[in-house]
Amino acid sequence: MESLEEFVISQYMMIDKRIEQLVQKKAYKRWAFYQQSFCTTIAYTGYEIVSQSIKADKAIERLDETLRMIDHHIEILKMKQGFWNKFLSSLTAEERKYFHDKYIKGYVCLNKRLDQLATEEIEEISQAIVMCFCTKTEYVEPVELVENDFMGNIDRLLNVVGV
């Protein structure tokens, strides 16, 4: 069975495919949006006959928000890919071959030192991404709640949301 660390490393090894998928998804979302009919139709609701249509302003707003989210995700993945490629280039050819064989080709091989090294690098990449893309208000330390202290927990939660 694959551990969580191995799964995450395999995701980083195939990050370029994920970027390709997101670029294709973005193109599909745009294509699908313009394939729908913007004409009005007549519908029977059970009580009356009404005219229905797509509210273009809301639909365009949703499309724009979706495309911006996909772009943001692609930007994050490209940054992760850059850091990951820099990490891989710092390794010897044999060490890179280990990662390729294990996580791309699916061969069964074990090198705990390299897996631990990759896991530590992924943690550093994650921290860099958080520091780069999250504002101070988005990154909040977890709140520790105390059992049987209802009012104290309410105060802690209110402090977090700034009330």
N, C-alpha and C. Protein backbone atom coordinates (compact mmCIF):
# COMPACT_ATOMS: atom_id res chain seq x y z
N MET A 1 0.84 -1.18 0.00
CA MET A 1 0.00 0.00 0.00
C MET A 1 0.89 1.25 0.00
N GLU A 2 0.46 2.21 -0.74
CA GLU A 2 1.22 3.44 -0.89
C GLU A 2 0.96 4.37 0.29
N SER A 3 2.02 4.92 0.84
CA SER A 3 1.86 5.85 1.95
C SER A 3 1.50 7.23 1.40
N LEU A 4 1.08 8.10 2.30
CA LEU A 4 0.71 9.46 1.91
C LEU A 4 1.91 10.20 1.33
N GLU A 5 3.09 10.01 1.91
CA GLU A 5 4.29 10.68 1.41
C GLU A 5 4.60 10.23 -0.01
N GLU A 6 4.48 8.92 -0.27
CA GLU A 6 4.74 8.42 -1.61
C GLU A 6 3.72 8.97 -2.60
N PHE A 7 2.48 9.10 -2.19
CA PHE A 7 1.45 9.66 -3.06
C PHE A 7 1.78 11.11 -3.41
N VAL A 8 2.18 11.89 -2.42
CA VAL A 8 2.50 13.30 -2.66
C VAL A 8 3.72 13.41 -3.58
N ILE A 9 4.73 12.59 -3.37
CA ILE A 9 5.91 12.62 -4.24
C ILE A 9 5.51 12.26 -5.67
N SER A 10 4.63 11.27 -5.83
CA SER A 10 4.20 10.89 -7.18
C SER A 10 3.42 12.03 -7.84
N GLN A 11 2.66 12.80 -7.04
CA GLN A 11 1.95 13.96 -7.58
C GLN A 11 2.93 15.02 -8.06
N TYR A 12 4.01 15.23 -7.32
CA TYR A 12 5.02 16.19 -7.75
C TYR A 12 5.76 15.70 -8.99
N MET A 13 5.97 14.40 -9.10
CA MET A 13 6.66 13.86 -10.27
C MET A 13 5.81 14.02 -11.53
N MET A 14 4.49 14.11 -11.37
CA MET A 14 3.60 14.24 -12.53
C MET A 14 2.91 15.60 -12.56
N ILE A 15 3.55 16.61 -12.02
CA ILE A 15 2.93 17.93 -11.92
C ILE A 15 2.71 18.55 -13.31
N ASP A 16 3.58 18.22 -14.27
CA ASP A 16 3.41 18.77 -15.61
C ASP A 16 2.13 18.25 -16.27
N LYS A 17 1.76 17.02 -16.00
CA LYS A 17 0.50 16.48 -16.53
C LYS A 17 -0.70 17.17 -15.90
N ARG A 18 -0.59 17.49 -14.63
CA ARG A 18 -1.69 18.21 -13.95
C ARG A 18 -1.87 19.60 -14.54
N ILE A 19 -0.76 20.26 -14.86
CA ILE A 19 -0.84 21.58 -15.49
C ILE A 19 -1.51 21.46 -16.85
N GLU A 20 -1.13 20.45 -17.63
CA GLU A 20 -1.76 20.22 -18.93
C GLU A 20 -3.26 20.00 -18.78
N GLN A 21 -3.66 19.21 -17.80
CA GLN A 21 -5.08 18.95 -17.57
C GLN A 21 -5.83 20.24 -17.25
N LEU A 22 -5.23 21.08 -16.43
CA LEU A 22 -5.89 22.34 -16.07
C LEU A 22 -6.00 23.29 -17.27
N VAL A 23 -4.99 23.30 -18.13
CA VAL A 23 -5.06 24.13 -19.33
C VAL A 23 -6.18 23.63 -20.23
N GLN A 24 -6.29 22.31 -20.37
CA GLN A 24 -7.38 21.73 -21.17
C GLN A 24 -8.73 22.00 -20.53
N LYS A 25 -8.81 21.91 -19.22
CA LYS A 25 -10.07 22.18 -18.51
C LYS A 25 -10.50 23.63 -18.72
N LYS A 26 -9.54 24.53 -18.68
CA LYS A 26 -9.85 25.95 -18.89
C LYS A 26 -10.40 26.17 -20.31
N ALA A 27 -9.75 25.56 -21.29
CA ALA A 27 -10.23 25.68 -22.67
C ALA A 27 -11.62 25.08 -22.82
N TYR A 28 -11.87 23.95 -22.16
CA TYR A 28 -13.18 23.32 -22.23
C TYR A 28 -14.25 24.19 -21.58
N LYS A 29 -13.95 24.75 -20.43
CA LYS A 29 -14.92 25.62 -19.73
C LYS A 29 -15.32 26.80 -20.62
N ARG A 30 -14.33 27.41 -21.26
CA ARG A 30 -14.60 28.54 -22.14
C ARG A 30 -15.43 28.07 -23.35
N TRP A 31 -15.05 26.94 -23.94
CA TRP A 31 -15.77 26.40 -25.10
C TRP A 31 -17.21 26.06 -24.72
N ALA A 32 -17.39 25.36 -23.59
CA ALA A 32 -18.73 24.95 -23.17
C ALA A 32 -19.62 26.15 -22.88
N PHE A 33 -19.04 27.20 -22.36
CA PHE A 33 -19.84 28.39 -22.06
C PHE A 33 -20.44 28.97 -23.33
N TYR A 34 -19.65 29.06 -24.39
CA TYR A 34 -20.14 29.66 -25.62
C TYR A 34 -20.96 28.69 -26.46
N GLN A 35 -21.05 27.43 -26.07
CA GLN A 35 -21.88 26.47 -26.78
C GLN A 35 -23.32 26.49 -26.29
N GLN A 36 -23.58 27.09 -25.17
CA GLN A 36 -24.94 27.13 -24.66
C GLN A 36 -25.75 28.20 -25.37
N SER A 37 -27.03 28.02 -25.35
CA SER A 37 -27.93 28.96 -26.01
C SER A 37 -28.23 30.13 -25.07
N PHE A 38 -28.13 31.33 -25.60
CA PHE A 38 -28.46 32.51 -24.83
C PHE A 38 -29.86 33.03 -25.16
N CYS A 39 -30.59 32.22 -25.95
CA CYS A 39 -31.94 32.62 -26.34
C CYS A 39 -32.92 32.34 -25.21
N THR A 40 -34.04 33.03 -25.24
CA THR A 40 -35.08 32.78 -24.24
C THR A 40 -35.92 31.61 -24.69
N THR A 41 -36.48 30.92 -23.71
CA THR A 41 -37.38 29.80 -23.99
C THR A 41 -38.65 29.99 -23.17
N ILE A 42 -39.67 29.26 -23.55
CA ILE A 42 -40.93 29.28 -22.84
C ILE A 42 -41.01 27.99 -22.03
N ALA A 43 -41.38 28.10 -20.76
CA ALA A 43 -41.46 26.92 -19.90
C ALA A 43 -42.75 26.98 -19.09
N TYR A 44 -43.27 25.81 -18.81
CA TYR A 44 -44.47 25.71 -17.98
C TYR A 44 -44.02 25.29 -16.59
N THR A 45 -44.29 26.08 -15.57
CA THR A 45 -43.83 25.81 -14.21
C THR A 45 -44.82 25.02 -13.39
N GLY A 46 -45.97 24.72 -13.94
CA GLY A 46 -47.00 24.04 -13.17
C GLY A 46 -48.15 24.96 -12.85
N TYR A 47 -47.85 26.24 -12.74
CA TYR A 47 -48.86 27.24 -12.44
C TYR A 47 -49.06 28.22 -13.60
N GLU A 48 -47.95 28.44 -14.32
CA GLU A 48 -48.04 29.43 -15.38
C GLU A 48 -47.00 29.15 -16.45
N ILE A 49 -47.13 29.84 -17.55
CA ILE A 49 -46.14 29.77 -18.61
C ILE A 49 -45.26 31.01 -18.47
N VAL A 50 -43.93 30.75 -18.40
CA VAL A 50 -43.00 31.86 -18.20
C VAL A 50 -41.89 31.81 -19.24
N SER A 51 -41.26 32.93 -19.43
CA SER A 51 -40.12 33.04 -20.31
C SER A 51 -38.86 32.84 -19.46
N GLN A 52 -37.96 31.96 -19.92
CA GLN A 52 -36.72 31.69 -19.20
C GLN A 52 -35.53 32.03 -20.09
N SER A 53 -34.50 32.50 -19.47
CA SER A 53 -33.26 32.75 -20.21
C SER A 53 -32.10 32.73 -19.24
N ILE A 54 -30.92 32.62 -19.82
CA ILE A 54 -29.70 32.68 -19.02
C ILE A 54 -29.43 34.15 -18.70
N LYS A 55 -29.13 34.42 -17.47
CA LYS A 55 -28.75 35.78 -17.09
C LYS A 55 -27.28 35.93 -17.46
N ALA A 56 -27.06 36.61 -18.58
CA ALA A 56 -25.72 36.69 -19.16
C ALA A 56 -24.71 37.30 -18.21
N ASP A 57 -25.08 38.34 -17.48
CA ASP A 57 -24.12 38.98 -16.59
C ASP A 57 -23.65 38.04 -15.49
N LYS A 58 -24.59 37.27 -14.93
CA LYS A 58 -24.22 36.32 -13.88
C LYS A 58 -23.40 35.16 -14.46
N ALA A 59 -23.79 34.70 -15.64
CA ALA A 59 -23.08 33.58 -16.27
C ALA A 59 -21.64 33.98 -16.61
N ILE A 60 -21.46 35.18 -17.13
CA ILE A 60 -20.11 35.65 -17.47
C ILE A 60 -19.28 35.83 -16.21
N GLU A 61 -19.91 36.32 -15.16
CA GLU A 61 -19.21 36.49 -13.89
C GLU A 61 -18.74 35.14 -13.35
N ARG A 62 -19.60 34.12 -13.42
CA ARG A 62 -19.21 32.77 -12.96
C ARG A 62 -18.09 32.20 -13.81
N LEU A 63 -18.19 32.40 -15.14
CA LEU A 63 -17.15 31.92 -16.03
C LEU A 63 -15.82 32.60 -15.71
N ASP A 64 -15.84 33.90 -15.54
CA ASP A 64 -14.62 34.64 -15.23
C ASP A 64 -14.01 34.17 -13.92
N GLU A 65 -14.85 33.98 -12.91
CA GLU A 65 -14.35 33.50 -11.62
C GLU A 65 -13.72 32.12 -11.76
N THR A 66 -14.37 31.24 -12.51
CA THR A 66 -13.84 29.89 -12.73
C THR A 66 -12.51 29.93 -13.45
N LEU A 67 -12.42 30.73 -14.50
CA LEU A 67 -11.17 30.81 -15.27
C LEU A 67 -10.05 31.43 -14.43
N ARG A 68 -10.38 32.41 -13.61
CA ARG A 68 -9.36 33.00 -12.73
C ARG A 68 -8.86 31.99 -11.69
N MET A 69 -9.77 31.18 -11.16
CA MET A 69 -9.35 30.15 -10.19
C MET A 69 -8.45 29.13 -10.86
N ILE A 70 -8.79 28.73 -12.08
CA ILE A 70 -7.94 27.78 -12.79
C ILE A 70 -6.57 28.41 -13.07
N ASP A 71 -6.54 29.67 -13.50
CA ASP A 71 -5.26 30.36 -13.73
C ASP A 71 -4.42 30.44 -12.46
N HIS A 72 -5.07 30.72 -11.34
CA HIS A 72 -4.37 30.80 -10.06
C HIS A 72 -3.78 29.43 -9.70
N HIS A 73 -4.56 28.39 -9.91
CA HIS A 73 -4.08 27.04 -9.62
C HIS A 73 -2.90 26.69 -10.52
N ILE A 74 -2.98 27.05 -11.80
CA ILE A 74 -1.88 26.79 -12.73
C ILE A 74 -0.63 27.54 -12.28
N GLU A 75 -0.79 28.79 -11.86
CA GLU A 75 0.34 29.58 -11.39
C GLU A 75 1.02 28.93 -10.18
N ILE A 76 0.21 28.44 -9.26
CA ILE A 76 0.77 27.75 -8.09
C ILE A 76 1.50 26.48 -8.51
N LEU A 77 0.89 25.71 -9.40
CA LEU A 77 1.53 24.47 -9.84
C LEU A 77 2.82 24.73 -10.60
N LYS A 78 2.87 25.80 -11.39
CA LYS A 78 4.10 26.13 -12.11
C LYS A 78 5.21 26.52 -11.13
N MET A 79 4.84 27.23 -10.07
CA MET A 79 5.83 27.59 -9.07
C MET A 79 6.34 26.33 -8.37
N LYS A 80 5.42 25.44 -8.00
CA LYS A 80 5.83 24.17 -7.39
C LYS A 80 6.73 23.38 -8.33
N GLN A 81 6.36 23.36 -9.61
CA GLN A 81 7.15 22.63 -10.60
C GLN A 81 8.56 23.20 -10.70
N GLY A 82 8.68 24.52 -10.66
CA GLY A 82 10.01 25.14 -10.71
C GLY A 82 10.88 24.74 -9.53
N PHE A 83 10.30 24.80 -8.33
CA PHE A 83 11.05 24.40 -7.13
C PHE A 83 11.40 22.91 -7.19
N TRP A 84 10.45 22.09 -7.63
CA TRP A 84 10.67 20.64 -7.68
C TRP A 84 11.75 20.31 -8.71
N ASN A 85 11.72 20.95 -9.87
CA ASN A 85 12.74 20.70 -10.89
C ASN A 85 14.12 21.14 -10.41
N LYS A 86 14.17 22.23 -9.66
CA LYS A 86 15.45 22.68 -9.09
C LYS A 86 15.97 21.63 -8.10
N PHE A 87 15.05 21.07 -7.30
CA PHE A 87 15.45 20.01 -6.37
C PHE A 87 15.97 18.80 -7.13
N LEU A 88 15.26 18.38 -8.16
CA LEU A 88 15.68 17.20 -8.93
C LEU A 88 17.02 17.44 -9.62
N SER A 89 17.25 18.66 -10.08
CA SER A 89 18.52 18.94 -10.76
C SER A 89 19.70 18.94 -9.78
N SER A 90 19.41 19.10 -8.50
CA SER A 90 20.48 19.07 -7.50
C SER A 90 20.90 17.65 -7.15
N LEU A 91 20.14 16.66 -7.62
CA LEU A 91 20.44 15.26 -7.33
C LEU A 91 21.35 14.68 -8.40
N THR A 92 21.95 13.54 -8.08
CA THR A 92 22.76 12.84 -9.07
C THR A 92 21.84 12.14 -10.06
N ALA A 93 22.40 11.68 -11.15
CA ALA A 93 21.62 11.00 -12.19
C ALA A 93 20.97 9.73 -11.64
N GLU A 94 21.68 9.00 -10.79
CA GLU A 94 21.14 7.77 -10.21
C GLU A 94 19.96 8.07 -9.30
N GLU A 95 20.06 9.15 -8.53
CA GLU A 95 18.97 9.52 -7.63
C GLU A 95 17.75 9.96 -8.42
N ARG A 96 17.96 10.72 -9.50
CA ARG A 96 16.82 11.10 -10.36
C ARG A 96 16.19 9.88 -11.00
N LYS A 97 17.02 8.92 -11.39
CA LYS A 97 16.52 7.67 -12.00
C LYS A 97 15.65 6.92 -11.00
N TYR A 98 16.05 6.93 -9.72
CA TYR A 98 15.24 6.28 -8.69
C TYR A 98 13.84 6.88 -8.65
N PHE A 99 13.75 8.21 -8.61
CA PHE A 99 12.44 8.87 -8.56
C PHE A 99 11.62 8.56 -9.82
N HIS A 100 12.28 8.58 -10.97
CA HIS A 100 11.58 8.30 -12.22
C HIS A 100 11.08 6.86 -12.25
N ASP A 101 11.95 5.93 -11.87
CA ASP A 101 11.56 4.51 -11.90
C ASP A 101 10.43 4.22 -10.92
N LYS A 102 10.54 4.77 -9.72
CA LYS A 102 9.54 4.45 -8.69
C LYS A 102 8.22 5.18 -8.92
N TYR A 103 8.26 6.46 -9.24
CA TYR A 103 7.03 7.25 -9.24
C TYR A 103 6.44 7.48 -10.63
N ILE A 104 7.21 7.29 -11.69
CA ILE A 104 6.66 7.42 -13.03
C ILE A 104 6.40 6.04 -13.63
N LYS A 105 7.40 5.18 -13.60
CA LYS A 105 7.25 3.86 -14.20
C LYS A 105 6.55 2.87 -13.28
N GLY A 106 6.57 3.12 -11.97
CA GLY A 106 5.89 2.26 -11.02
C GLY A 106 6.68 1.05 -10.56
N TYR A 107 7.99 1.06 -10.76
CA TYR A 107 8.81 -0.04 -10.28
C TYR A 107 8.83 -0.06 -8.76
N VAL A 108 9.01 -1.25 -8.22
CA VAL A 108 9.10 -1.38 -6.76
C VAL A 108 10.57 -1.25 -6.38
N CYS A 109 10.90 -0.15 -5.73
CA CYS A 109 12.25 0.07 -5.23
C CYS A 109 12.13 0.93 -3.98
N LEU A 110 13.14 0.85 -3.14
CA LEU A 110 13.06 1.53 -1.86
C LEU A 110 14.38 2.23 -1.55
N ASN A 111 14.28 3.50 -1.24
CA ASN A 111 15.41 4.27 -0.78
C ASN A 111 14.85 5.29 0.20
N LYS A 112 14.85 4.93 1.48
CA LYS A 112 14.22 5.77 2.50
C LYS A 112 14.88 7.15 2.59
N ARG A 113 16.18 7.20 2.39
CA ARG A 113 16.88 8.48 2.48
C ARG A 113 16.38 9.46 1.41
N LEU A 114 16.24 8.97 0.18
CA LEU A 114 15.76 9.84 -0.89
C LEU A 114 14.29 10.22 -0.70
N ASP A 115 13.50 9.26 -0.24
CA ASP A 115 12.09 9.57 0.02
C ASP A 115 11.96 10.61 1.12
N GLN A 116 12.76 10.49 2.17
CA GLN A 116 12.74 11.46 3.26
C GLN A 116 13.22 12.83 2.77
N LEU A 117 14.24 12.83 1.94
CA LEU A 117 14.75 14.08 1.37
C LEU A 117 13.68 14.77 0.51
N ALA A 118 12.97 13.98 -0.28
CA ALA A 118 11.89 14.53 -1.13
C ALA A 118 10.74 15.04 -0.27
N THR A 119 10.40 14.33 0.77
CA THR A 119 9.32 14.76 1.66
C THR A 119 9.66 16.08 2.33
N GLU A 120 10.90 16.23 2.78
CA GLU A 120 11.33 17.49 3.39
C GLU A 120 11.30 18.63 2.38
N GLU A 121 11.71 18.34 1.14
CA GLU A 121 11.68 19.37 0.11
C GLU A 121 10.24 19.80 -0.20
N ILE A 122 9.34 18.84 -0.24
CA ILE A 122 7.93 19.15 -0.50
C ILE A 122 7.35 20.01 0.62
N GLU A 123 7.73 19.74 1.86
CA GLU A 123 7.28 20.57 2.98
C GLU A 123 7.80 22.01 2.82
N GLU A 124 9.04 22.15 2.40
CA GLU A 124 9.59 23.49 2.18
C GLU A 124 8.88 24.20 1.03
N ILE A 125 8.58 23.46 -0.03
CA ILE A 125 7.86 24.04 -1.17
C ILE A 125 6.49 24.49 -0.72
N SER A 126 5.81 23.69 0.07
CA SER A 126 4.48 24.05 0.56
C SER A 126 4.53 25.31 1.40
N GLN A 127 5.53 25.42 2.26
CA GLN A 127 5.68 26.63 3.07
C GLN A 127 5.94 27.85 2.20
N ALA A 128 6.75 27.68 1.16
CA ALA A 128 7.04 28.80 0.25
C ALA A 128 5.78 29.24 -0.49
N ILE A 129 4.97 28.29 -0.90
CA ILE A 129 3.73 28.60 -1.61
C ILE A 129 2.77 29.35 -0.68
N VAL A 130 2.67 28.90 0.55
CA VAL A 130 1.79 29.58 1.51
C VAL A 130 2.27 31.00 1.74
N MET A 131 3.56 31.17 1.91
CA MET A 131 4.09 32.51 2.17
C MET A 131 3.95 33.42 0.95
N CYS A 132 4.00 32.84 -0.24
CA CYS A 132 3.93 33.64 -1.45
C CYS A 132 2.49 34.02 -1.82
N PHE A 133 1.55 33.10 -1.66
CA PHE A 133 0.20 33.31 -2.17
C PHE A 133 -0.84 33.64 -1.11
N CYS A 134 -0.54 33.45 0.14
CA CYS A 134 -1.53 33.73 1.18
C CYS A 134 -1.18 35.05 1.86
N THR A 135 -2.22 35.83 2.08
CA THR A 135 -2.01 37.05 2.86
C THR A 135 -2.01 36.67 4.32
N LYS A 136 -1.65 37.59 5.16
CA LYS A 136 -1.59 37.32 6.59
C LYS A 136 -2.96 36.94 7.15
N THR A 137 -4.02 37.54 6.61
CA THR A 137 -5.36 37.24 7.12
C THR A 137 -5.84 35.88 6.68
N GLU A 138 -5.30 35.36 5.55
CA GLU A 138 -5.73 34.04 5.09
C GLU A 138 -5.07 32.92 5.87
N TYR A 139 -3.86 33.17 6.36
CA TYR A 139 -3.13 32.13 7.08
C TYR A 139 -3.29 32.36 8.57
N VAL A 140 -4.08 31.54 9.20
CA VAL A 140 -4.38 31.71 10.61
C VAL A 140 -3.91 30.47 11.35
N GLU A 141 -3.28 30.69 12.46
CA GLU A 141 -2.84 29.57 13.29
C GLU A 141 -4.06 28.81 13.79
N PRO A 142 -3.98 27.48 13.92
CA PRO A 142 -5.12 26.72 14.41
C PRO A 142 -5.48 27.10 15.84
N VAL A 143 -6.76 27.07 16.13
CA VAL A 143 -7.26 27.43 17.45
C VAL A 143 -7.39 26.15 18.26
N GLU A 144 -6.83 26.18 19.44
CA GLU A 144 -6.95 25.02 20.32
C GLU A 144 -8.13 25.23 21.25
N LEU A 145 -9.08 24.31 21.16
CA LEU A 145 -10.26 24.37 22.02
C LEU A 145 -10.06 23.47 23.23
N VAL A 146 -10.56 23.94 24.36
CA VAL A 146 -10.42 23.20 25.61
C VAL A 146 -11.75 22.53 25.93
N GLU A 147 -11.67 21.27 26.28
CA GLU A 147 -12.89 20.52 26.61
C GLU A 147 -13.50 21.07 27.90
N ASN A 148 -14.81 21.17 27.93
CA ASN A 148 -15.58 21.63 29.09
C ASN A 148 -15.31 23.10 29.44
N ASP A 149 -14.92 23.91 28.46
CA ASP A 149 -14.73 25.34 28.68
C ASP A 149 -15.44 26.08 27.55
N PHE A 150 -16.76 26.03 27.58
CA PHE A 150 -17.58 26.57 26.49
C PHE A 150 -17.33 28.05 26.29
N MET A 151 -17.40 28.84 27.31
CA MET A 151 -17.24 30.30 27.17
C MET A 151 -15.82 30.66 26.74
N GLY A 152 -14.85 29.96 27.25
CA GLY A 152 -13.46 30.19 26.84
C GLY A 152 -13.26 29.88 25.36
N ASN A 153 -13.88 28.77 24.90
CA ASN A 153 -13.79 28.41 23.48
C ASN A 153 -14.48 29.45 22.61
N ILE A 154 -15.62 29.96 23.06
CA ILE A 154 -16.32 31.01 22.30
C ILE A 154 -15.43 32.25 22.18
N ASP A 155 -14.78 32.64 23.29
CA ASP A 155 -13.87 33.79 23.26
C ASP A 155 -12.72 33.58 22.28
N ARG A 156 -12.13 32.37 22.28
CA ARG A 156 -11.02 32.07 21.37
C ARG A 156 -11.49 32.18 19.91
N LEU A 157 -12.64 31.62 19.61
CA LEU A 157 -13.17 31.65 18.24
C LEU A 157 -13.50 33.07 17.82
N LEU A 158 -14.06 33.88 18.71
CA LEU A 158 -14.37 35.26 18.39
C LEU A 158 -13.11 36.07 18.14
N ASN A 159 -12.05 35.77 18.88
CA ASN A 159 -10.78 36.46 18.66
C ASN A 159 -10.21 36.15 17.29
N VAL A 160 -10.39 34.91 16.83
CA VAL A 160 -9.88 34.52 15.52
C VAL A 160 -10.59 35.29 14.41
N VAL A 161 -11.91 35.41 14.50
CA VAL A 161 -12.66 36.11 13.44
C VAL A 161 -12.64 37.63 13.65
N GLY A 162 -12.05 38.09 14.72
CA GLY A 162 -11.87 39.51 14.92
C GLY A 162 -13.07 40.24 15.48
N VAL A 163 -13.88 39.56 16.26
CA VAL A 163 -15.07 40.20 16.85
C VAL A 163 -14.77 40.53 18.31
